[in-house]
Amino acid sequence: MTSPISEETTTDSSKADAESQRSGGFLADTVDELKLVVWPSRQQLFSESIAVILMVSLSAATIAAVSRFFGWASSQVFR
């Protein structure tokens, strides 16, 4: 548990850090962060995109099959 005094001192120092970062500019900071991103290769992007498309298709087919089954079952029960 922290005391209110320690929280006040951390917020004062974080405010000073935030103001010093603002002087660098948002766009410059954004460019610096984008340089740190590890971008996937074309092969990796393609294979992972195919995997996502397949999993979404399988999930949609499963949900549709379950929905049709329960629709059929309810029509049998509530004739």
C-alpha atoms as a PDB file:
ATOM      1  CA  MET A   1       0.000   0.000   0.000  1.00  0.00           C
ATOM      2  CA  THR A   2       1.408   3.395  -0.885  1.00  0.00           C
ATOM      3  CA  SER A   3       0.957   6.544   1.077  1.00  0.00           C
ATOM      4  CA  PRO A   4      -0.575   9.671  -0.469  1.00  0.00           C
ATOM      5  CA  ILE A   5       2.747  11.482  -0.073  1.00  0.00           C
ATOM      6  CA  SER A   6       4.650   8.989  -2.256  1.00  0.00           C
ATOM      7  CA  GLU A   7       1.957   9.145  -4.934  1.00  0.00           C
ATOM      8  CA  GLU A   8       2.164  12.929  -5.086  1.00  0.00           C
ATOM      9  CA  THR A   9       5.921  12.874  -5.607  1.00  0.00           C
ATOM     10  CA  THR A  10       5.683  10.327  -8.412  1.00  0.00           C
ATOM     11  CA  THR A  11       3.020  12.309 -10.228  1.00  0.00           C
ATOM     12  CA  ASP A  12       5.115  15.473 -10.018  1.00  0.00           C
ATOM     13  CA  SER A  13       8.110  13.744 -11.590  1.00  0.00           C
ATOM     14  CA  SER A  14       5.937  12.074 -14.239  1.00  0.00           C
ATOM     15  CA  LYS A  15       4.437  15.474 -15.143  1.00  0.00           C
ATOM     16  CA  ALA A  16       7.925  16.868 -15.668  1.00  0.00           C
ATOM     17  CA  ASP A  17       8.846  13.864 -17.842  1.00  0.00           C
ATOM     18  CA  ALA A  18       5.685  14.237 -19.893  1.00  0.00           C
ATOM     19  CA  GLU A  19       6.330  17.918 -20.545  1.00  0.00           C
ATOM     20  CA  SER A  20       9.912  17.241 -21.607  1.00  0.00           C
ATOM     21  CA  GLN A  21       8.690  14.576 -24.034  1.00  0.00           C
ATOM     22  CA  ARG A  22       6.108  16.947 -25.529  1.00  0.00           C
ATOM     23  CA  SER A  23       8.848  19.296 -26.642  1.00  0.00           C
ATOM     24  CA  GLY A  24      10.223  16.515 -28.903  1.00  0.00           C
ATOM     25  CA  GLY A  25       7.001  16.413 -30.856  1.00  0.00           C
ATOM     26  CA  PHE A  26       4.398  13.754 -31.230  1.00  0.00           C
ATOM     27  CA  LEU A  27       5.274  12.935 -34.822  1.00  0.00           C
ATOM     28  CA  ALA A  28       8.974  12.473 -34.039  1.00  0.00           C
ATOM     29  CA  ASP A  29       8.131  10.179 -31.121  1.00  0.00           C
ATOM     30  CA  THR A  30       5.772   8.194 -33.333  1.00  0.00           C
ATOM     31  CA  VAL A  31       8.463   7.720 -35.977  1.00  0.00           C
ATOM     32  CA  ASP A  32      10.925   6.610 -33.288  1.00  0.00           C
ATOM     33  CA  GLU A  33       8.444   4.030 -31.980  1.00  0.00           C
ATOM     34  CA  LEU A  34       7.717   2.716 -35.476  1.00  0.00           C
ATOM     35  CA  LYS A  35      11.458   2.130 -35.976  1.00  0.00           C
ATOM     36  CA  LEU A  36      11.357  -0.259 -32.994  1.00  0.00           C
ATOM     37  CA  VAL A  37       8.587  -2.402 -34.502  1.00  0.00           C
ATOM     38  CA  VAL A  38       9.659  -5.785 -35.847  1.00  0.00           C
ATOM     39  CA  TRP A  39       7.781  -6.027 -39.130  1.00  0.00           C
ATOM     40  CA  PRO A  40       6.901  -9.503 -40.464  1.00  0.00           C
ATOM     41  CA  SER A  41       8.372 -10.784 -43.703  1.00  0.00           C
ATOM     42  CA  ARG A  42       6.156 -11.184 -46.756  1.00  0.00           C
ATOM     43  CA  GLN A  43       6.173 -14.986 -46.324  1.00  0.00           C
ATOM     44  CA  GLN A  44       5.200 -14.754 -42.656  1.00  0.00           C
ATOM     45  CA  LEU A  45       2.488 -12.184 -43.382  1.00  0.00           C
ATOM     46  CA  PHE A  46       1.002 -14.348 -46.127  1.00  0.00           C
ATOM     47  CA  SER A  47       1.009 -17.591 -44.121  1.00  0.00           C
ATOM     48  CA  GLU A  48      -0.455 -15.987 -40.999  1.00  0.00           C
ATOM     49  CA  SER A  49      -3.138 -14.219 -43.041  1.00  0.00           C
ATOM     50  CA  ILE A  50      -4.149 -17.552 -44.581  1.00  0.00           C
ATOM     51  CA  ALA A  51      -4.278 -19.115 -41.107  1.00  0.00           C
ATOM     52  CA  VAL A  52      -6.543 -16.331 -39.821  1.00  0.00           C
ATOM     53  CA  ILE A  53      -8.854 -16.582 -42.835  1.00  0.00           C
ATOM     54  CA  LEU A  54      -9.113 -20.365 -42.418  1.00  0.00           C
ATOM     55  CA  MET A  55      -9.850 -20.151 -38.695  1.00  0.00           C
ATOM     56  CA  VAL A  56     -12.507 -17.467 -39.188  1.00  0.00           C
ATOM     57  CA  SER A  57     -14.112 -19.536 -41.962  1.00  0.00           C
ATOM     58  CA  LEU A  58     -14.110 -22.680 -39.817  1.00  0.00           C
ATOM     59  CA  SER A  59     -15.580 -20.784 -36.881  1.00  0.00           C
ATOM     60  CA  ALA A  60     -18.314 -19.277 -39.065  1.00  0.00           C
ATOM     61  CA  ALA A  61     -19.144 -22.694 -40.542  1.00  0.00           C
ATOM     62  CA  THR A  62     -19.321 -24.243 -37.068  1.00  0.00           C
ATOM     63  CA  ILE A  63     -21.588 -21.494 -35.764  1.00  0.00           C
ATOM     64  CA  ALA A  64     -23.831 -21.800 -38.849  1.00  0.00           C
ATOM     65  CA  ALA A  65     -24.040 -25.593 -38.443  1.00  0.00           C
ATOM     66  CA  VAL A  66     -24.941 -25.337 -34.763  1.00  0.00           C
ATOM     67  CA  SER A  67     -27.514 -22.641 -35.535  1.00  0.00           C
ATOM     68  CA  ARG A  68     -29.129 -24.739 -38.275  1.00  0.00           C
ATOM     69  CA  PHE A  69     -29.198 -27.783 -36.006  1.00  0.00           C
ATOM     70  CA  PHE A  70     -30.933 -25.924 -33.201  1.00  0.00           C
ATOM     71  CA  GLY A  71     -33.316 -24.351 -35.729  1.00  0.00           C
ATOM     72  CA  TRP A  72     -34.194 -27.768 -37.063  1.00  0.00           C
ATOM     73  CA  ALA A  73     -34.513 -29.217 -33.527  1.00  0.00           C
ATOM     74  CA  SER A  74     -36.811 -26.397 -32.411  1.00  0.00           C
ATOM     75  CA  SER A  75     -38.980 -26.841 -35.505  1.00  0.00           C
ATOM     76  CA  GLN A  76     -39.342 -30.520 -34.622  1.00  0.00           C
ATOM     77  CA  VAL A  77     -40.295 -29.776 -31.031  1.00  0.00           C
ATOM     78  CA  PHE A  78     -42.649 -26.840 -31.680  1.00  0.00           C
ATOM     79  CA  ARG A  79     -44.702 -28.164 -34.639  1.00  0.00           C
END
